[in-house]
């Protein structure tokens, strides 16, 4: 297995530019393109293998013109646009909706990969499953082939502790063990601060008998709580709530927080390089 280069970023569903009265969708997307180009450039320049995106929207009244894994994709789909802006290397994307956001967006999760997807599915892990509810939370899973092995990629955006975080996380754990592949990456916005009771619950939970590794904390032990979220009306605090988790036994080569100076969202991204030193029991499945 080669070194894998991974990015996770909450995109903030097109909220970094004002949708002015009188703007057409095309005009608005044109104003947003420089932000998206920065993200696309980062993917290319850093040779990212897997990019996990949360709060990735598409305009509710936009017409869909293609399907990816049976899901209707619109021209305004944020992850689709990123994949189209990437130049010089072939990437693949998949996406699904979790709920409606900010009144006019179909808000969901997406993954961009340098490796072809061999499977894609999504599941609600929250009690709420109504698209009209902000608390409806879905996880998407994409499977890729890496040499003779398979890797499952889980992109998550979970609720706060008061709304069901622990139950949602356990639903994810059960899903991973149901799938039966011990080679996986879990990345996204967990909505739990580093060091919290819920964080300790996550890193103490075993999947296939192994704990999860917080890639940022392992690579940066002197500053494990460095924020990835800038704070908003609901939560004034700047905290680290975004994570890339890998199974115990994998090696973390480096991890850094990105888009901290060049703002593209209310979140910053996490970028890491990892390597699996363990033999998988799921070769060639």
Protein backbone atom coordinates (compact mmCIF):
# COMPACT_ATOMS: atom_id res chain seq x y z
CA UNK A 1 0.00 0.00 0.00
CA UNK A 2 1.23 3.46 -0.91
CA UNK A 3 1.12 6.56 1.28
CA UNK A 4 -2.36 8.08 1.20
CA UNK A 5 -2.87 11.84 1.19
CA UNK A 6 -6.19 12.85 2.72
CA UNK A 7 -8.13 16.12 3.08
CA UNK A 8 -11.31 16.88 5.01
CA UNK A 9 -13.14 20.21 4.81
CA UNK A 10 -16.59 21.50 5.77
CA UNK A 11 -17.58 23.73 2.82
CA UNK A 12 -20.22 25.86 4.61
CA UNK A 13 -22.81 25.40 1.84
CA UNK A 14 -22.09 28.44 -0.31
CA UNK A 15 -22.26 30.88 2.64
CA UNK A 16 -18.91 32.64 2.06
CA UNK A 17 -20.36 34.96 -0.60
CA UNK A 18 -23.66 36.85 -0.36
CA UNK A 19 -26.36 35.74 -2.81
CA UNK A 20 -27.44 39.28 -3.70
CA UNK A 21 -30.99 40.18 -4.60
CA UNK A 22 -31.05 40.22 -8.38
CA UNK A 23 -28.25 37.67 -8.75
CA UNK A 24 -28.96 34.78 -11.06
CA UNK A 25 -27.61 31.40 -9.99
CA UNK A 26 -25.01 31.66 -12.75
CA UNK A 27 -23.88 35.08 -11.48
CA UNK A 28 -23.62 33.83 -7.90
CA UNK A 29 -21.65 30.74 -8.89
CA UNK A 30 -19.31 32.96 -10.88
CA UNK A 31 -18.60 35.01 -7.75
CA UNK A 32 -17.99 31.83 -5.77
CA UNK A 33 -15.63 30.26 -8.27
CA UNK A 34 -12.38 31.82 -6.89
CA UNK A 35 -13.02 30.11 -3.54
CA UNK A 36 -13.65 26.79 -5.24
CA UNK A 37 -10.58 27.22 -7.41
CA UNK A 38 -8.39 27.56 -4.29
CA UNK A 39 -9.67 24.22 -3.01
CA UNK A 40 -9.25 22.54 -6.40
CA UNK A 41 -5.71 23.91 -6.69
CA UNK A 42 -4.86 22.54 -3.25
CA UNK A 43 -6.07 19.08 -4.26
CA UNK A 44 -3.89 19.11 -7.38
CA UNK A 45 -0.80 20.73 -5.85
CA UNK A 46 -0.80 18.33 -2.89
CA UNK A 47 -1.68 15.25 -4.93
CA UNK A 48 -4.64 14.43 -2.69
CA UNK A 49 -5.93 10.86 -2.91
CA UNK A 50 -9.17 11.32 -0.98
CA UNK A 51 -11.01 14.57 -0.16
CA UNK A 52 -13.98 14.42 2.24
CA UNK A 53 -16.48 17.29 2.11
CA UNK A 54 -19.34 18.24 4.41
CA UNK A 55 -22.00 20.92 3.90
CA UNK A 56 -21.57 20.41 0.18
CA UNK A 57 -24.63 21.91 -1.48
CA UNK A 58 -26.48 22.15 -4.74
CA UNK A 59 -29.18 24.72 -5.48
CA UNK A 60 -32.64 23.38 -4.76
CA UNK A 61 -34.25 24.85 -7.92
CA UNK A 62 -31.38 23.96 -10.24
CA UNK A 63 -32.10 21.22 -12.77
CA UNK A 64 -30.19 17.95 -12.52
CA UNK A 65 -28.43 16.89 -15.70
CA UNK A 66 -26.57 13.75 -14.61
CA UNK A 67 -26.68 10.89 -12.14
CA UNK A 68 -23.82 9.45 -10.11
CA UNK A 69 -24.61 6.15 -8.40
CA UNK A 70 -28.29 6.85 -9.05
CA UNK A 71 -28.24 10.25 -7.31
CA UNK A 72 -29.35 13.31 -9.25
CA UNK A 73 -26.49 15.78 -9.57
CA UNK A 74 -27.00 19.42 -10.55
CA UNK A 75 -24.59 21.80 -12.25
CA UNK A 76 -24.41 23.80 -9.02
CA UNK A 77 -23.25 20.79 -6.98
CA UNK A 78 -20.22 22.01 -5.03
CA UNK A 79 -18.32 18.71 -5.18
CA UNK A 80 -19.03 18.33 -8.89
CA UNK A 81 -17.70 21.84 -9.55
CA UNK A 82 -14.52 21.08 -7.58
CA UNK A 83 -13.97 17.93 -9.63
CA UNK A 84 -14.44 19.92 -12.83
CA UNK A 85 -11.96 22.59 -11.71
CA UNK A 86 -9.23 20.06 -11.03
CA UNK A 87 -6.78 20.17 -13.92
CA UNK A 88 -4.09 17.78 -15.01
CA UNK A 89 -5.24 14.66 -13.18
CA UNK A 90 -8.33 12.47 -13.30
CA UNK A 91 -10.53 12.50 -10.19
CA UNK A 92 -13.88 10.90 -9.42
CA UNK A 93 -16.67 12.22 -7.19
CA UNK A 94 -19.80 11.01 -5.45
CA UNK A 95 -22.34 12.88 -3.30
CA UNK A 96 -25.65 12.54 -1.51
CA UNK A 97 -28.06 14.88 0.26
CA UNK A 98 -28.63 14.88 4.04
CA UNK A 99 -31.10 17.74 4.42
CA UNK A 100 -32.06 21.16 3.11
CA UNK A 101 -29.81 24.00 4.25
CA UNK A 102 -30.24 27.77 4.44
CA UNK A 103 -33.61 27.53 2.67
CA UNK A 104 -32.32 27.13 -0.89
CA UNK A 105 -29.66 24.41 -0.82
CA UNK A 106 -29.69 20.63 -0.88
CA UNK A 107 -26.94 20.09 1.66
CA UNK A 108 -24.98 16.87 1.76
CA UNK A 109 -21.66 15.09 1.84
CA UNK A 110 -19.27 14.21 -0.94
CA UNK A 111 -15.97 12.52 -1.64
CA UNK A 112 -13.46 13.22 -4.39
CA UNK A 113 -10.99 10.42 -5.10
CA UNK A 114 -8.01 9.83 -7.35
CA UNK A 115 -9.01 6.17 -7.35
CA UNK A 116 -12.13 4.84 -9.06
CA UNK A 117 -15.06 4.07 -6.76
CA UNK A 118 -16.11 0.42 -6.81
CA UNK A 119 -19.03 0.96 -4.39
CA UNK A 120 -20.98 3.91 -3.03
CA UNK A 121 -23.84 4.07 -0.54
CA UNK A 122 -25.28 6.36 2.12
CA UNK A 123 -27.25 5.85 5.32
CA UNK A 124 -28.94 8.04 7.88
CA UNK A 125 -27.39 7.56 11.31
CA UNK A 126 -29.63 10.11 13.06
CA UNK A 127 -33.10 9.49 14.48
CA UNK A 128 -34.36 12.32 12.29
CA UNK A 129 -34.57 11.46 8.60
CA UNK A 130 -36.72 14.30 7.26
CA UNK A 131 -34.95 16.35 4.57
CA UNK A 132 -36.57 19.46 6.06
CA UNK A 133 -34.83 18.92 9.40
CA UNK A 134 -31.35 20.30 10.05
CA UNK A 135 -30.83 17.39 12.45
CA UNK A 136 -31.14 14.74 9.74
CA UNK A 137 -27.60 13.38 9.45
CA UNK A 138 -26.37 10.99 6.80
CA UNK A 139 -23.00 9.33 6.25
CA UNK A 140 -21.68 8.39 2.82
CA UNK A 141 -19.40 5.41 2.20
CA UNK A 142 -17.23 4.99 -0.87
CA UNK A 143 -15.08 1.94 -1.55
CA UNK A 144 -11.89 2.16 -3.59
CA UNK A 145 -9.31 -0.40 -4.63
CA UNK A 146 -5.73 0.19 -3.52
CA UNK A 147 -3.54 -2.43 -5.17
CA UNK A 148 -4.87 -5.79 -4.01
CA UNK A 149 -6.79 -4.26 -1.12
CA UNK A 150 -10.01 -2.35 -0.61
CA UNK A 151 -10.42 0.81 1.46
CA UNK A 152 -13.75 2.12 2.70
CA UNK A 153 -14.07 5.90 3.03
CA UNK A 154 -16.69 7.23 5.46
CA UNK A 155 -17.54 10.93 5.22
CA UNK A 156 -19.41 12.15 8.30
CA UNK A 157 -21.19 15.23 9.62
CA UNK A 158 -22.67 14.28 12.98
CA UNK A 159 -24.98 16.11 15.38
CA UNK A 160 -23.98 17.78 18.64
CA UNK A 161 -23.94 15.76 21.85
CA UNK A 162 -27.34 17.11 22.93
CA UNK A 163 -28.97 15.91 19.71
CA UNK A 164 -27.65 12.35 19.57
CA UNK A 165 -23.93 12.29 18.76
CA UNK A 166 -23.15 9.08 20.66
CA UNK A 167 -26.01 7.12 19.11
CA UNK A 168 -25.06 8.35 15.63
CA UNK A 169 -21.41 7.41 16.13
CA UNK A 170 -22.38 3.94 17.36
CA UNK A 171 -24.58 3.52 14.29
CA UNK A 172 -21.48 4.27 12.21
CA UNK A 173 -19.41 1.72 14.17
CA UNK A 174 -22.08 -0.93 13.66
CA UNK A 175 -22.18 -0.14 9.95
CA UNK A 176 -18.39 -0.50 9.59
CA UNK A 177 -18.41 -3.85 11.38
CA UNK A 178 -21.40 -4.98 9.32
CA UNK A 179 -19.49 -4.19 6.11
CA UNK A 180 -16.58 -6.21 7.50
CA UNK A 181 -13.64 -4.27 6.04
CA UNK A 182 -10.95 -3.38 8.58
CA UNK A 183 -9.25 -0.94 6.20
CA UNK A 184 -11.12 2.34 6.42
CA UNK A 185 -10.84 6.08 6.90
CA UNK A 186 -13.43 8.14 8.80
CA UNK A 187 -13.24 11.88 8.19
CA UNK A 188 -15.40 14.93 8.60
CA UNK A 189 -17.12 17.32 10.99
CA UNK A 190 -17.92 15.50 14.25
CA UNK A 191 -19.27 18.55 16.13
CA UNK A 192 -17.41 17.48 19.29
CA UNK A 193 -14.41 19.41 20.65
CA UNK A 194 -11.04 17.77 21.14
CA UNK A 195 -10.70 16.43 24.69
CA UNK A 196 -14.43 16.38 25.41
CA UNK A 197 -16.22 13.41 26.95
CA UNK A 198 -17.59 12.54 23.51
CA UNK A 199 -14.10 12.73 21.97
CA UNK A 200 -12.79 10.33 24.61
CA UNK A 201 -15.69 8.01 23.82
CA UNK A 202 -14.68 7.98 20.14
CA UNK A 203 -10.99 7.22 20.68
CA UNK A 204 -11.78 4.56 23.29
CA UNK A 205 -14.23 2.76 21.01
CA UNK A 206 -12.80 -0.32 19.34
CA UNK A 207 -13.66 -1.36 15.78
CA UNK A 208 -12.51 -4.88 14.87
CA UNK A 209 -10.70 -4.84 18.22
CA UNK A 210 -8.67 -1.70 17.44
CA UNK A 211 -8.98 1.88 18.63
CA UNK A 212 -9.17 4.84 16.29
CA UNK A 213 -6.17 7.13 15.75
CA UNK A 214 -6.72 10.89 15.64
CA UNK A 215 -4.24 11.75 12.90
CA UNK A 216 -3.83 15.42 13.86
CA UNK A 217 -3.21 14.70 17.56
CA UNK A 218 -0.64 11.98 16.79
CA UNK A 219 1.28 14.20 14.36
CA UNK A 220 1.02 17.35 16.51
CA UNK A 221 1.17 16.29 20.19
CA UNK A 222 2.22 19.78 21.26
CA UNK A 223 -1.02 21.38 19.99
CA UNK A 224 -3.74 18.70 19.83
CA UNK A 225 -6.60 21.16 20.38
CA UNK A 226 -5.71 23.62 17.60
CA UNK A 227 -9.05 24.90 16.24
CA UNK A 228 -10.50 23.93 12.88
CA UNK A 229 -13.74 25.91 13.37
CA UNK A 230 -13.86 29.68 13.61
CA UNK A 231 -17.07 29.95 15.65
CA UNK A 232 -20.52 31.20 14.66
CA UNK A 233 -23.83 32.42 16.09
CA UNK A 234 -24.64 29.00 17.59
CA UNK A 235 -21.15 28.34 18.95
CA UNK A 236 -18.92 31.32 19.62
CA UNK A 237 -15.94 29.14 20.52
CA UNK A 238 -13.20 28.31 18.05
CA UNK A 239 -12.56 24.59 18.52
CA UNK A 240 -11.19 21.53 16.78
CA UNK A 241 -14.26 19.58 15.72
CA UNK A 242 -12.97 18.20 12.40
CA UNK A 243 -11.08 14.91 12.39
CA UNK A 244 -9.47 12.25 10.23
CA UNK A 245 -9.53 8.90 12.04
CA UNK A 246 -7.70 5.75 10.93
CA UNK A 247 -7.44 2.31 12.59
CA UNK A 248 -4.80 1.58 15.20
CA UNK A 249 -1.72 0.15 13.51
CA UNK A 250 -1.64 2.64 10.65
CA UNK A 251 1.23 5.14 10.57
CA UNK A 252 0.64 8.90 10.51
CA UNK A 253 3.43 10.54 8.53
CA UNK A 254 2.24 14.15 8.87
CA UNK A 255 -0.84 16.29 9.46
CA UNK A 256 -1.49 20.00 9.12
CA UNK A 257 -4.39 22.42 9.31
CA UNK A 258 -5.02 24.13 5.98
CA UNK A 259 -7.07 27.07 4.71
CA UNK A 260 -6.38 28.79 8.03
CA UNK A 261 -4.97 31.90 6.36
CA UNK A 262 -6.69 31.63 2.97
CA UNK A 263 -10.32 31.47 4.15
CA UNK A 264 -12.67 29.30 2.06
CA UNK A 265 -15.21 28.38 4.77
CA UNK A 266 -16.08 28.91 8.42
CA UNK A 267 -14.04 25.73 8.94
CA UNK A 268 -10.40 25.08 8.21
CA UNK A 269 -9.35 21.82 6.61
CA UNK A 270 -7.19 18.98 7.86
CA UNK A 271 -4.62 17.44 5.53
CA UNK A 272 -2.64 14.33 6.43
CA UNK A 273 -0.47 11.56 5.03
CA UNK A 274 -0.99 8.04 6.36
CA UNK A 275 0.36 4.58 5.68
CA UNK A 276 -1.10 1.20 6.61
CA UNK A 277 1.61 -1.02 8.08
CA UNK A 278 -0.84 -3.81 8.91
CA UNK A 279 -1.92 -6.67 6.71
CA UNK A 280 -5.60 -6.56 5.85
CA UNK A 281 -7.88 -9.56 6.18
CA UNK A 282 -9.93 -8.25 3.25
CA UNK A 283 -7.61 -8.58 0.26
CA UNK A 284 -9.17 -8.75 -3.15
CA UNK A 285 -12.77 -8.97 -1.93
